[in-house]
Amino acid sequence: MPNLAIVPGANTINATSTINPAASPEGLELLNLYTSGAGASVNIVGTSTSTAVESLSLAFGALNIGSQIPGLETKLLAGATLAVLDTTLVNGIAQTVVTINNPFVPPMSILSIDSTITYSGATVGTVVSTFDQPIVILGTAQGSLTAGLALNTNPADLVTLIRAQAVKNGMSTDAFDGLLSLQSGGNPPSSLFENFNVGDFVIKAMSGLVVDITLTTTVKVGDYLVTLPYTQTGVPTATDQTILKLIPIVGTPIAQLLVEGSVLAFDSIVINSPADAGFATDLTGAITNTGPLDAQIAFPNPVSVSYGGKAIGSMMMPTLNAVANQ
């Protein structure tokens, strides 16, 4: 407060201060509260060295003024996107693009990030990256970073996420719940699945996804380097058609259960063109007990044929159209 002048009565004073957040845990907490938008209560406390005027040193030493530092109105994280890659089911890594606001006047360089993304308290994934080339965002501007996201591919957690989002979006979950009940021996009626498309259901359910992000990031604001803890709730996260690549994680156990419960039987086998090396056949049969859904059953590999426990050949099977509960 240079050239401080006060008059009798209330005085409005403009003061300038500097802070080194990295110097203490309290400084980091103050910076975190500021950047998260929460703001913080602070006390301006005087000391015996607050003024060089000896007659005022006692008064300034007793100074203790409460004040409020408002939080940033602009959130650091403007939003994110989630894309499931062709390799995600193999290595668990999806891709995220995060849009970031730089609320500071100097450029902000992001050197590293260690974050956890959650939905209603459950972990969706983590992003841990150190950037060889720092992500630079100009002062008071917006930029983005692209990083790998270690996705939580636990089937139960994915089901919980999809179903919770469907409820949030006002969708009926009856058919989805019916599908899931098959794993526990349920026998939902086929009418439950009329006009139900699981792909459409997942895409609509995952629209409007909002997540919470807790992170620690090392950034350089101008020439000032700091490792900053930061938490932001309600980060809008867009998904696209690639989210359908997660369906096998949930759907494969159900499909396997239906396949194991189905019965493939042949009513007649007619041998055609017998020869020393083999013969062709005409088969008449059916596959039954395929469950409460219409299904298309494909056989990408030849089916082995055995008799008396010994393999006698193989045959290619056409794609079969199964009717629910038949």
C-alpha atoms as a PDB file:
ATOM      1  CA  MET A   1       0.000   0.000   0.000  1.00  0.00           C
ATOM      2  CA  PRO A   2       2.378   2.738  -1.169  1.00  0.00           C
ATOM      3  CA  ASN A   3       1.650   6.351  -0.256  1.00  0.00           C
ATOM      4  CA  LEU A   4      -1.144   5.301   2.080  1.00  0.00           C
ATOM      5  CA  ALA A   5      -3.347   8.182   3.116  1.00  0.00           C
ATOM      6  CA  ILE A   6      -6.297   7.788   5.452  1.00  0.00           C
ATOM      7  CA  VAL A   7      -8.942  10.187   6.631  1.00  0.00           C
ATOM      8  CA  PRO A   8     -11.293  10.031   9.602  1.00  0.00           C
ATOM      9  CA  GLY A   9     -14.101   7.520   9.107  1.00  0.00           C
ATOM     10  CA  ALA A  10     -14.326   4.594   6.678  1.00  0.00           C
ATOM     11  CA  ASN A  11     -11.544   4.285   4.121  1.00  0.00           C
ATOM     12  CA  THR A  12     -11.525   2.188   0.947  1.00  0.00           C
ATOM     13  CA  ILE A  13      -7.976   1.105   0.212  1.00  0.00           C
ATOM     14  CA  ASN A  14      -6.550  -0.575  -2.883  1.00  0.00           C
ATOM     15  CA  ALA A  15      -3.685  -2.895  -1.998  1.00  0.00           C
ATOM     16  CA  THR A  16      -1.338  -4.987  -4.103  1.00  0.00           C
ATOM     17  CA  SER A  17       0.142  -8.236  -2.802  1.00  0.00           C
ATOM     18  CA  THR A  18       2.310 -11.043  -4.078  1.00  0.00           C
ATOM     19  CA  ILE A  19       2.122 -14.710  -3.152  1.00  0.00           C
ATOM     20  CA  ASN A  20       4.366 -17.719  -3.657  1.00  0.00           C
ATOM     21  CA  PRO A  21       1.956 -20.679  -3.521  1.00  0.00           C
ATOM     22  CA  ALA A  22       4.730 -23.258  -3.706  1.00  0.00           C
ATOM     23  CA  ALA A  23       6.297 -21.918  -0.511  1.00  0.00           C
ATOM     24  CA  SER A  24       3.689 -23.447   1.800  1.00  0.00           C
ATOM     25  CA  PRO A  25       0.725 -25.868   1.833  1.00  0.00           C
ATOM     26  CA  GLU A  26      -1.525 -22.930   2.717  1.00  0.00           C
ATOM     27  CA  GLY A  27      -0.352 -21.065  -0.373  1.00  0.00           C
ATOM     28  CA  LEU A  28      -1.169 -24.033  -2.603  1.00  0.00           C
ATOM     29  CA  GLU A  29      -4.578 -24.377  -0.977  1.00  0.00           C
ATOM     30  CA  LEU A  30      -5.260 -20.690  -1.582  1.00  0.00           C
ATOM     31  CA  LEU A  31      -4.298 -21.027  -5.255  1.00  0.00           C
ATOM     32  CA  ASN A  32      -6.460 -24.140  -5.589  1.00  0.00           C
ATOM     33  CA  LEU A  33      -9.472 -22.378  -4.059  1.00  0.00           C
ATOM     34  CA  TYR A  34      -8.937 -19.407  -6.338  1.00  0.00           C
ATOM     35  CA  THR A  35      -8.616 -21.387  -9.572  1.00  0.00           C
ATOM     36  CA  SER A  36     -11.518 -23.701  -8.685  1.00  0.00           C
ATOM     37  CA  GLY A  37     -13.810 -20.701  -8.306  1.00  0.00           C
ATOM     38  CA  ALA A  38     -14.485 -21.240  -4.610  1.00  0.00           C
ATOM     39  CA  GLY A  39     -12.626 -18.182  -3.373  1.00  0.00           C
ATOM     40  CA  ALA A  40     -11.104 -17.905   0.085  1.00  0.00           C
ATOM     41  CA  SER A  41     -11.255 -15.918   3.283  1.00  0.00           C
ATOM     42  CA  VAL A  42      -7.958 -14.274   4.205  1.00  0.00           C
ATOM     43  CA  ASN A  43      -6.691 -12.045   6.997  1.00  0.00           C
ATOM     44  CA  ILE A  44      -4.418  -9.069   6.426  1.00  0.00           C
ATOM     45  CA  VAL A  45      -2.195  -9.092   9.509  1.00  0.00           C
ATOM     46  CA  GLY A  46       0.247  -6.366  10.450  1.00  0.00           C
ATOM     47  CA  THR A  47       3.605  -6.734  12.187  1.00  0.00           C
ATOM     48  CA  SER A  48       5.948  -4.410  14.041  1.00  0.00           C
ATOM     49  CA  THR A  49       7.831  -3.887  10.765  1.00  0.00           C
ATOM     50  CA  SER A  50       4.765  -3.007   8.696  1.00  0.00           C
ATOM     51  CA  THR A  51       5.693   0.670   8.757  1.00  0.00           C
ATOM     52  CA  ALA A  52       8.845   2.704   9.150  1.00  0.00           C
ATOM     53  CA  VAL A  53       6.943   5.366  11.071  1.00  0.00           C
ATOM     54  CA  GLU A  54       7.741   4.574  14.683  1.00  0.00           C
ATOM     55  CA  SER A  55       4.650   6.270  16.082  1.00  0.00           C
ATOM     56  CA  LEU A  56       2.422   4.038  13.923  1.00  0.00           C
ATOM     57  CA  SER A  57       4.236   0.730  14.437  1.00  0.00           C
ATOM     58  CA  LEU A  58       2.076  -0.281  17.404  1.00  0.00           C
ATOM     59  CA  ALA A  59      -1.146   0.384  15.499  1.00  0.00           C
ATOM     60  CA  PHE A  60       0.031  -1.412  12.368  1.00  0.00           C
ATOM     61  CA  GLY A  61       1.332  -4.320  14.428  1.00  0.00           C
ATOM     62  CA  ALA A  62      -2.164  -4.846  15.814  1.00  0.00           C
ATOM     63  CA  LEU A  63      -3.770  -4.697  12.371  1.00  0.00           C
ATOM     64  CA  ASN A  64      -5.965  -7.729  11.553  1.00  0.00           C
ATOM     65  CA  ILE A  65      -8.441  -7.184   8.734  1.00  0.00           C
ATOM     66  CA  GLY A  66     -10.587  -9.946   7.304  1.00  0.00           C
ATOM     67  CA  SER A  67     -11.136 -10.006   3.559  1.00  0.00           C
ATOM     68  CA  GLN A  68     -12.469 -12.241   0.808  1.00  0.00           C
ATOM     69  CA  ILE A  69     -10.579 -13.277  -2.309  1.00  0.00           C
ATOM     70  CA  PRO A  70     -13.174 -14.095  -4.982  1.00  0.00           C
ATOM     71  CA  GLY A  71     -12.663 -17.234  -7.021  1.00  0.00           C
ATOM     72  CA  LEU A  72     -12.158 -17.308 -10.737  1.00  0.00           C
ATOM     73  CA  GLU A  73     -15.439 -17.006 -12.592  1.00  0.00           C
ATOM     74  CA  THR A  74     -13.998 -18.908 -15.560  1.00  0.00           C
ATOM     75  CA  LYS A  75     -13.454 -22.635 -15.029  1.00  0.00           C
ATOM     76  CA  LEU A  76     -10.072 -23.978 -16.105  1.00  0.00           C
ATOM     77  CA  LEU A  77     -11.658 -26.991 -17.821  1.00  0.00           C
ATOM     78  CA  ALA A  78     -14.166 -25.926 -20.467  1.00  0.00           C
ATOM     79  CA  GLY A  79     -15.009 -29.474 -21.538  1.00  0.00           C
ATOM     80  CA  ALA A  80     -13.692 -32.761 -22.868  1.00  0.00           C
ATOM     81  CA  THR A  81     -14.333 -35.440 -25.463  1.00  0.00           C
ATOM     82  CA  LEU A  82     -13.990 -39.197 -25.112  1.00  0.00           C
ATOM     83  CA  ALA A  83     -13.158 -41.433 -28.063  1.00  0.00           C
ATOM     84  CA  VAL A  84     -12.879 -45.212 -27.806  1.00  0.00           C
ATOM     85  CA  LEU A  85     -10.123 -46.532 -30.078  1.00  0.00           C
ATOM     86  CA  ASP A  86      -9.938 -49.798 -32.004  1.00  0.00           C
ATOM     87  CA  THR A  87      -7.230 -50.861 -29.554  1.00  0.00           C
ATOM     88  CA  THR A  88      -9.073 -49.849 -26.373  1.00  0.00           C
ATOM     89  CA  LEU A  89     -10.449 -53.334 -25.726  1.00  0.00           C
ATOM     90  CA  VAL A  90      -6.878 -54.666 -25.979  1.00  0.00           C
ATOM     91  CA  ASN A  91      -4.915 -52.160 -23.892  1.00  0.00           C
ATOM     92  CA  GLY A  92      -7.639 -50.199 -22.094  1.00  0.00           C
ATOM     93  CA  ILE A  93      -6.465 -46.845 -23.473  1.00  0.00           C
ATOM     94  CA  ALA A  94      -9.023 -44.447 -24.955  1.00  0.00           C
ATOM     95  CA  GLN A  95      -8.375 -40.891 -26.119  1.00  0.00           C
ATOM     96  CA  THR A  96      -9.520 -37.634 -24.601  1.00  0.00           C
ATOM     97  CA  VAL A  97      -9.276 -34.069 -25.823  1.00  0.00           C
ATOM     98  CA  VAL A  98      -9.588 -31.516 -23.018  1.00  0.00           C
ATOM     99  CA  THR A  99     -10.382 -27.869 -23.729  1.00  0.00           C
ATOM    100  CA  ILE A 100      -8.634 -25.580 -21.238  1.00  0.00           C
ATOM    101  CA  ASN A 101      -9.139 -21.925 -20.366  1.00  0.00           C
ATOM    102  CA  ASN A 102      -6.101 -19.866 -19.382  1.00  0.00           C
ATOM    103  CA  PRO A 103      -7.444 -17.212 -16.992  1.00  0.00           C
ATOM    104  CA  PHE A 104      -4.039 -15.604 -16.545  1.00  0.00           C
ATOM    105  CA  VAL A 105      -2.509 -12.797 -18.609  1.00  0.00           C
ATOM    106  CA  PRO A 106       0.836 -14.587 -19.227  1.00  0.00           C
ATOM    107  CA  PRO A 107       0.943 -17.749 -21.360  1.00  0.00           C
ATOM    108  CA  MET A 108       0.351 -20.982 -19.452  1.00  0.00           C
ATOM    109  CA  SER A 109       2.486 -24.019 -20.296  1.00  0.00           C
ATOM    110  CA  ILE A 110       1.276 -27.443 -19.141  1.00  0.00           C
ATOM    111  CA  LEU A 111       4.220 -29.751 -18.443  1.00  0.00           C
ATOM    112  CA  SER A 112       2.446 -32.719 -16.873  1.00  0.00           C
ATOM    113  CA  ILE A 113      -0.929 -33.895 -15.654  1.00  0.00           C
ATOM    114  CA  ASP A 114      -2.061 -36.634 -13.276  1.00  0.00           C
ATOM    115  CA  SER A 115      -5.840 -36.815 -13.110  1.00  0.00           C
ATOM    116  CA  THR A 116      -8.737 -39.028 -12.117  1.00  0.00           C
ATOM    117  CA  ILE A 117     -12.109 -38.757 -13.836  1.00  0.00           C
ATOM    118  CA  THR A 118     -15.143 -39.878 -11.845  1.00  0.00           C
ATOM    119  CA  TYR A 119     -18.901 -40.185 -12.311  1.00  0.00           C
ATOM    120  CA  SER A 120     -21.034 -40.190  -9.160  1.00  0.00           C
ATOM    121  CA  GLY A 121     -17.922 -41.175  -7.213  1.00  0.00           C
ATOM    122  CA  ALA A 122     -16.977 -44.121  -9.455  1.00  0.00           C
ATOM    123  CA  THR A 123     -13.769 -43.933 -11.466  1.00  0.00           C
ATOM    124  CA  VAL A 124     -14.271 -43.583 -15.221  1.00  0.00           C
ATOM    125  CA  GLY A 125     -10.574 -43.390 -16.033  1.00  0.00           C
ATOM    126  CA  THR A 126      -7.250 -41.705 -15.401  1.00  0.00           C
ATOM    127  CA  VAL A 127      -4.952 -39.489 -17.429  1.00  0.00           C
ATOM    128  CA  VAL A 128      -1.266 -39.491 -16.514  1.00  0.00           C
ATOM    129  CA  SER A 129       0.966 -37.697 -19.018  1.00  0.00           C
ATOM    130  CA  THR A 130       4.239 -35.804 -19.119  1.00  0.00           C
ATOM    131  CA  PHE A 131       4.549 -33.718 -22.259  1.00  0.00           C
ATOM    132  CA  ASP A 132       7.903 -33.588 -24.040  1.00  0.00           C
ATOM    133  CA  GLN A 133       6.577 -30.513 -25.788  1.00  0.00           C
ATOM    134  CA  PRO A 134       4.621 -28.490 -23.207  1.00  0.00           C
ATOM    135  CA  ILE A 135       1.053 -27.570 -24.094  1.00  0.00           C
ATOM    136  CA  VAL A 136       1.139 -23.772 -24.402  1.00  0.00           C
ATOM    137  CA  ILE A 137      -2.050 -21.742 -24.020  1.00  0.00           C
ATOM    138  CA  LEU A 138      -1.829 -18.020 -24.659  1.00  0.00           C
ATOM    139  CA  GLY A 139      -2.883 -15.554 -21.996  1.00  0.00           C
ATOM    140  CA  THR A 140      -6.647 -15.246 -21.416  1.00  0.00           C
ATOM    141  CA  ALA A 141      -7.188 -17.657 -24.313  1.00  0.00           C
ATOM    142  CA  GLN A 142      -8.409 -21.197 -24.815  1.00  0.00           C
ATOM    143  CA  GLY A 143      -6.427 -24.233 -25.914  1.00  0.00           C
ATOM    144  CA  SER A 144      -6.599 -28.015 -25.821  1.00  0.00           C
ATOM    145  CA  LEU A 145      -4.546 -31.052 -24.986  1.00  0.00           C
ATOM    146  CA  THR A 146      -4.884 -34.572 -26.344  1.00  0.00           C
ATOM    147  CA  ALA A 147      -3.918 -37.484 -24.129  1.00  0.00           C
ATOM    148  CA  GLY A 148      -4.457 -41.177 -23.593  1.00  0.00           C
ATOM    149  CA  LEU A 149      -7.091 -42.064 -21.021  1.00  0.00           C
ATOM    150  CA  ALA A 150      -6.777 -45.321 -19.089  1.00  0.00           C
ATOM    151  CA  LEU A 151     -10.442 -46.297 -19.231  1.00  0.00           C
ATOM    152  CA  ASN A 152     -12.166 -48.313 -16.533  1.00  0.00           C
ATOM    153  CA  THR A 153     -13.441 -51.272 -18.573  1.00  0.00           C
ATOM    154  CA  ASN A 154     -14.900 -53.209 -15.669  1.00  0.00           C
ATOM    155  CA  PRO A 155     -18.238 -54.511 -17.063  1.00  0.00           C
ATOM    156  CA  ALA A 156     -20.191 -53.785 -13.873  1.00  0.00           C
ATOM    157  CA  ASP A 157     -18.912 -50.197 -13.739  1.00  0.00           C
ATOM    158  CA  LEU A 158     -19.727 -49.617 -17.417  1.00  0.00           C
ATOM    159  CA  VAL A 159     -23.250 -50.953 -16.905  1.00  0.00           C
ATOM    160  CA  THR A 160     -23.723 -48.660 -13.898  1.00  0.00           C
ATOM    161  CA  LEU A 161     -22.499 -45.653 -15.888  1.00  0.00           C
ATOM    162  CA  ILE A 162     -24.691 -46.346 -18.933  1.00  0.00           C
ATOM    163  CA  ARG A 163     -27.791 -47.059 -16.858  1.00  0.00           C
ATOM    164  CA  ALA A 164     -27.335 -44.008 -14.610  1.00  0.00           C
ATOM    165  CA  GLN A 165     -26.921 -41.800 -17.672  1.00  0.00           C
ATOM    166  CA  ALA A 166     -30.042 -43.298 -19.257  1.00  0.00           C
ATOM    167  CA  VAL A 167     -32.078 -42.520 -16.133  1.00  0.00           C
ATOM    168  CA  LYS A 168     -30.627 -38.997 -16.040  1.00  0.00           C
ATOM    169  CA  ASN A 169     -31.697 -38.500 -19.666  1.00  0.00           C
ATOM    170  CA  GLY A 170     -35.241 -39.676 -18.921  1.00  0.00           C
ATOM    171  CA  MET A 171     -34.952 -42.958 -20.846  1.00  0.00           C
ATOM    172  CA  SER A 172     -36.715 -46.207 -20.008  1.00  0.00           C
ATOM    173  CA  THR A 173     -34.268 -48.872 -18.838  1.00  0.00           C
ATOM    174  CA  ASP A 174     -36.720 -51.799 -18.890  1.00  0.00           C
ATOM    175  CA  ALA A 175     -35.221 -53.507 -21.949  1.00  0.00           C
ATOM    176  CA  PHE A 176     -31.654 -52.812 -20.815  1.00  0.00           C
ATOM    177  CA  ASP A 177     -32.428 -54.239 -17.383  1.00  0.00           C
ATOM    178  CA  GLY A 178     -34.037 -57.249 -19.052  1.00  0.00           C
ATOM    179  CA  LEU A 179     -30.849 -57.927 -20.995  1.00  0.00           C
ATOM    180  CA  LEU A 180     -28.757 -57.737 -17.857  1.00  0.00           C
ATOM    181  CA  SER A 181     -31.118 -60.073 -16.004  1.00  0.00           C
ATOM    182  CA  LEU A 182     -30.186 -62.872 -18.414  1.00  0.00           C
ATOM    183  CA  GLN A 183     -26.824 -63.165 -16.663  1.00  0.00           C
ATOM    184  CA  SER A 184     -28.535 -64.036 -13.390  1.00  0.00           C
ATOM    185  CA  GLY A 185     -30.979 -66.539 -14.873  1.00  0.00           C
ATOM    186  CA  GLY A 186     -33.754 -64.103 -15.713  1.00  0.00           C
ATOM    187  CA  ASN A 187     -36.300 -64.907 -18.404  1.00  0.00           C
ATOM    188  CA  PRO A 188     -37.698 -61.596 -19.680  1.00  0.00           C
ATOM    189  CA  PRO A 189     -40.492 -61.750 -22.288  1.00  0.00           C
ATOM    190  CA  SER A 190     -39.498 -61.204 -25.905  1.00  0.00           C
ATOM    191  CA  SER A 191     -42.075 -58.387 -26.122  1.00  0.00           C
ATOM    192  CA  LEU A 192     -39.799 -56.341 -23.849  1.00  0.00           C
ATOM    193  CA  PHE A 193     -37.253 -56.041 -26.650  1.00  0.00           C
ATOM    194  CA  GLU A 194     -39.570 -55.010 -29.487  1.00  0.00           C
ATOM    195  CA  ASN A 195     -38.022 -52.024 -31.312  1.00  0.00           C
ATOM    196  CA  PHE A 196     -35.099 -52.041 -28.861  1.00  0.00           C
ATOM    197  CA  ASN A 197     -31.678 -51.343 -30.351  1.00  0.00           C
ATOM    198  CA  VAL A 198     -28.857 -51.579 -27.846  1.00  0.00           C
ATOM    199  CA  GLY A 199     -26.560 -49.366 -29.949  1.00  0.00           C
ATOM    200  CA  ASP A 200     -29.105 -46.552 -30.133  1.00  0.00           C
ATOM    201  CA  PHE A 201     -29.765 -46.946 -26.413  1.00  0.00           C
ATOM    202  CA  VAL A 202     -26.082 -46.573 -25.484  1.00  0.00           C
ATOM    203  CA  ILE A 203     -25.517 -43.539 -27.735  1.00  0.00           C
ATOM    204  CA  LYS A 204     -28.581 -41.723 -26.373  1.00  0.00           C
ATOM    205  CA  ALA A 205     -27.741 -42.677 -22.790  1.00  0.00           C
ATOM    206  CA  MET A 206     -24.183 -41.368 -23.013  1.00  0.00           C
ATOM    207  CA  SER A 207     -25.175 -38.004 -24.463  1.00  0.00           C
ATOM    208  CA  GLY A 208     -24.849 -35.116 -22.036  1.00  0.00           C
ATOM    209  CA  LEU A 209     -22.234 -36.921 -19.940  1.00  0.00           C
ATOM    210  CA  VAL A 210     -20.878 -34.766 -17.111  1.00  0.00           C
ATOM    211  CA  VAL A 211     -17.903 -35.891 -15.020  1.00  0.00           C
ATOM    212  CA  ASP A 212     -15.811 -34.688 -12.093  1.00  0.00           C
ATOM    213  CA  ILE A 213     -12.054 -34.290 -12.485  1.00  0.00           C
ATOM    214  CA  THR A 214      -9.440 -34.224  -9.745  1.00  0.00           C
ATOM    215  CA  LEU A 215      -5.919 -33.527 -10.910  1.00  0.00           C
ATOM    216  CA  THR A 216      -2.428 -32.426 -10.096  1.00  0.00           C
ATOM    217  CA  THR A 217      -0.679 -30.550 -12.868  1.00  0.00           C
ATOM    218  CA  THR A 218       2.694 -28.911 -13.241  1.00  0.00           C
ATOM    219  CA  VAL A 219       2.304 -25.633 -15.101  1.00  0.00           C
ATOM    220  CA  LYS A 220       4.364 -22.619 -15.936  1.00  0.00           C
ATOM    221  CA  VAL A 221       2.517 -19.306 -15.845  1.00  0.00           C
ATOM    222  CA  GLY A 222       4.889 -16.908 -17.514  1.00  0.00           C
ATOM    223  CA  ASP A 223       8.174 -17.800 -15.811  1.00  0.00           C
ATOM    224  CA  TYR A 224       6.527 -19.017 -12.611  1.00  0.00           C
ATOM    225  CA  LEU A 225       6.584 -22.817 -12.158  1.00  0.00           C
ATOM    226  CA  VAL A 226       4.064 -24.446  -9.825  1.00  0.00           C
ATOM    227  CA  THR A 227       2.568 -27.876  -9.215  1.00  0.00           C
ATOM    228  CA  LEU A 228      -1.117 -27.206  -8.781  1.00  0.00           C
ATOM    229  CA  PRO A 229      -3.799 -29.448  -7.263  1.00  0.00           C
ATOM    230  CA  TYR A 230      -7.182 -28.779  -8.843  1.00  0.00           C
ATOM    231  CA  THR A 231     -10.702 -30.171  -8.687  1.00  0.00           C
ATOM    232  CA  GLN A 232     -13.617 -29.323 -10.950  1.00  0.00           C
ATOM    233  CA  THR A 233     -17.067 -30.852 -10.893  1.00  0.00           C
ATOM    234  CA  GLY A 234     -19.562 -30.924 -13.728  1.00  0.00           C
ATOM    235  CA  VAL A 235     -17.163 -31.057 -16.674  1.00  0.00           C
ATOM    236  CA  PRO A 236     -19.202 -31.651 -19.878  1.00  0.00           C
ATOM    237  CA  THR A 237     -17.804 -34.635 -21.771  1.00  0.00           C
ATOM    238  CA  ALA A 238     -18.905 -35.449 -25.309  1.00  0.00           C
ATOM    239  CA  THR A 239     -18.979 -38.994 -26.670  1.00  0.00           C
ATOM    240  CA  ASP A 240     -19.515 -40.191 -30.235  1.00  0.00           C
ATOM    241  CA  GLN A 241     -20.216 -43.369 -32.214  1.00  0.00           C
ATOM    242  CA  THR A 242     -16.957 -44.888 -30.976  1.00  0.00           C
ATOM    243  CA  ILE A 243     -18.640 -45.501 -27.620  1.00  0.00           C
ATOM    244  CA  LEU A 244     -20.294 -48.505 -29.306  1.00  0.00           C
ATOM    245  CA  LYS A 245     -16.910 -50.251 -29.247  1.00  0.00           C
ATOM    246  CA  LEU A 246     -17.496 -50.810 -25.527  1.00  0.00           C
ATOM    247  CA  ILE A 247     -20.643 -52.891 -26.108  1.00  0.00           C
ATOM    248  CA  PRO A 248     -18.725 -56.200 -26.431  1.00  0.00           C
ATOM    249  CA  ILE A 249     -17.386 -55.752 -22.887  1.00  0.00           C
ATOM    250  CA  VAL A 250     -20.931 -55.851 -21.545  1.00  0.00           C
ATOM    251  CA  GLY A 251     -22.602 -57.855 -24.305  1.00  0.00           C
ATOM    252  CA  THR A 252     -20.152 -60.722 -24.841  1.00  0.00           C
ATOM    253  CA  PRO A 253     -20.924 -62.506 -21.529  1.00  0.00           C
ATOM    254  CA  ILE A 254     -24.648 -62.271 -22.303  1.00  0.00           C
ATOM    255  CA  ALA A 255     -24.177 -63.533 -25.863  1.00  0.00           C
ATOM    256  CA  GLN A 256     -21.976 -66.379 -24.617  1.00  0.00           C
ATOM    257  CA  LEU A 257     -24.672 -67.378 -22.140  1.00  0.00           C
ATOM    258  CA  LEU A 258     -27.314 -67.464 -24.884  1.00  0.00           C
ATOM    259  CA  VAL A 259     -25.072 -69.454 -27.214  1.00  0.00           C
ATOM    260  CA  GLU A 260     -24.312 -72.017 -24.518  1.00  0.00           C
ATOM    261  CA  GLY A 261     -28.027 -72.423 -23.853  1.00  0.00           C
ATOM    262  CA  SER A 262     -28.998 -72.840 -27.512  1.00  0.00           C
ATOM    263  CA  VAL A 263     -29.517 -76.190 -29.233  1.00  0.00           C
ATOM    264  CA  LEU A 264     -28.336 -76.944 -32.775  1.00  0.00           C
ATOM    265  CA  ALA A 265     -29.963 -80.091 -34.168  1.00  0.00           C
ATOM    266  CA  PHE A 266     -30.246 -81.662 -37.632  1.00  0.00           C
ATOM    267  CA  ASP A 267     -33.341 -83.548 -38.764  1.00  0.00           C
ATOM    268  CA  SER A 268     -31.730 -85.076 -41.826  1.00  0.00           C
ATOM    269  CA  ILE A 269     -28.347 -85.364 -43.494  1.00  0.00           C
ATOM    270  CA  VAL A 270     -28.140 -86.288 -47.182  1.00  0.00           C
ATOM    271  CA  ILE A 271     -24.731 -87.270 -48.550  1.00  0.00           C
ATOM    272  CA  ASN A 272     -24.001 -86.013 -52.046  1.00  0.00           C
ATOM    273  CA  SER A 273     -21.120 -86.814 -54.391  1.00  0.00           C
ATOM    274  CA  PRO A 274     -19.218 -89.273 -52.200  1.00  0.00           C
ATOM    275  CA  ALA A 275     -15.526 -89.645 -53.035  1.00  0.00           C
ATOM    276  CA  ASP A 276     -12.349 -91.024 -51.463  1.00  0.00           C
ATOM    277  CA  ALA A 277     -11.316 -87.598 -50.153  1.00  0.00           C
ATOM    278  CA  GLY A 278     -14.718 -86.657 -48.778  1.00  0.00           C
ATOM    279  CA  PHE A 279     -18.272 -85.791 -49.690  1.00  0.00           C
ATOM    280  CA  ALA A 280     -20.774 -82.949 -49.698  1.00  0.00           C
ATOM    281  CA  THR A 281     -23.950 -82.905 -47.643  1.00  0.00           C
ATOM    282  CA  ASP A 282     -27.376 -81.314 -47.590  1.00  0.00           C
ATOM    283  CA  LEU A 283     -28.486 -80.640 -44.016  1.00  0.00           C
ATOM    284  CA  THR A 284     -31.913 -79.872 -42.626  1.00  0.00           C
ATOM    285  CA  GLY A 285     -32.063 -78.668 -39.051  1.00  0.00           C
ATOM    286  CA  ALA A 286     -32.660 -75.802 -36.674  1.00  0.00           C
ATOM    287  CA  ILE A 287     -31.106 -73.857 -33.855  1.00  0.00           C
ATOM    288  CA  THR A 288     -33.481 -73.357 -30.936  1.00  0.00           C
ATOM    289  CA  ASN A 289     -33.584 -71.981 -27.402  1.00  0.00           C
ATOM    290  CA  THR A 290     -31.683 -68.861 -28.446  1.00  0.00           C
ATOM    291  CA  GLY A 291     -33.302 -66.597 -25.865  1.00  0.00           C
ATOM    292  CA  PRO A 292     -35.803 -63.730 -25.873  1.00  0.00           C
ATOM    293  CA  LEU A 293     -34.204 -61.689 -28.660  1.00  0.00           C
ATOM    294  CA  ASP A 294     -34.227 -62.007 -32.409  1.00  0.00           C
ATOM    295  CA  ALA A 295     -30.650 -62.674 -33.428  1.00  0.00           C
ATOM    296  CA  GLN A 296     -28.401 -63.232 -36.390  1.00  0.00           C
ATOM    297  CA  ILE A 297     -25.939 -66.028 -35.687  1.00  0.00           C
ATOM    298  CA  ALA A 298     -22.815 -66.182 -37.819  1.00  0.00           C
ATOM    299  CA  PHE A 299     -20.208 -68.940 -37.987  1.00  0.00           C
ATOM    300  CA  PRO A 300     -16.963 -67.289 -39.132  1.00  0.00           C
ATOM    301  CA  ASN A 301     -14.999 -70.547 -38.856  1.00  0.00           C
ATOM    302  CA  PRO A 302     -15.813 -74.070 -40.038  1.00  0.00           C
ATOM    303  CA  VAL A 303     -17.802 -76.225 -37.606  1.00  0.00           C
ATOM    304  CA  SER A 304     -16.089 -79.464 -36.563  1.00  0.00           C
ATOM    305  CA  VAL A 305     -18.063 -82.687 -37.009  1.00  0.00           C
ATOM    306  CA  SER A 306     -17.263 -85.712 -34.865  1.00  0.00           C
ATOM    307  CA  TYR A 307     -18.640 -89.213 -34.494  1.00  0.00           C
ATOM    308  CA  GLY A 308     -17.916 -91.499 -31.593  1.00  0.00           C
ATOM    309  CA  GLY A 309     -15.635 -88.863 -30.141  1.00  0.00           C
ATOM    310  CA  LYS A 310     -13.501 -88.677 -33.276  1.00  0.00           C
ATOM    311  CA  ALA A 311     -13.403 -85.787 -35.716  1.00  0.00           C
ATOM    312  CA  ILE A 312     -14.606 -86.847 -39.147  1.00  0.00           C
ATOM    313  CA  GLY A 313     -14.629 -83.489 -40.899  1.00  0.00           C
ATOM    314  CA  SER A 314     -15.717 -79.900 -40.878  1.00  0.00           C
ATOM    315  CA  MET A 315     -18.331 -77.834 -42.617  1.00  0.00           C
ATOM    316  CA  MET A 316     -19.138 -74.209 -43.270  1.00  0.00           C
ATOM    317  CA  MET A 317     -22.396 -72.977 -41.795  1.00  0.00           C
ATOM    318  CA  PRO A 318     -24.517 -70.185 -43.267  1.00  0.00           C
ATOM    319  CA  THR A 319     -25.602 -67.216 -41.169  1.00  0.00           C
ATOM    320  CA  LEU A 320     -28.782 -68.139 -39.321  1.00  0.00           C
ATOM    321  CA  ASN A 321     -31.640 -65.827 -38.378  1.00  0.00           C
ATOM    322  CA  ALA A 322     -32.972 -66.863 -34.973  1.00  0.00           C
ATOM    323  CA  VAL A 323     -36.450 -65.838 -33.821  1.00  0.00           C
ATOM    324  CA  ALA A 324     -36.970 -64.936 -30.175  1.00  0.00           C
ATOM    325  CA  ASN A 325     -38.046 -67.791 -27.900  1.00  0.00           C
ATOM    326  CA  GLN A 326     -38.026 -70.368 -30.699  1.00  0.00           C
END
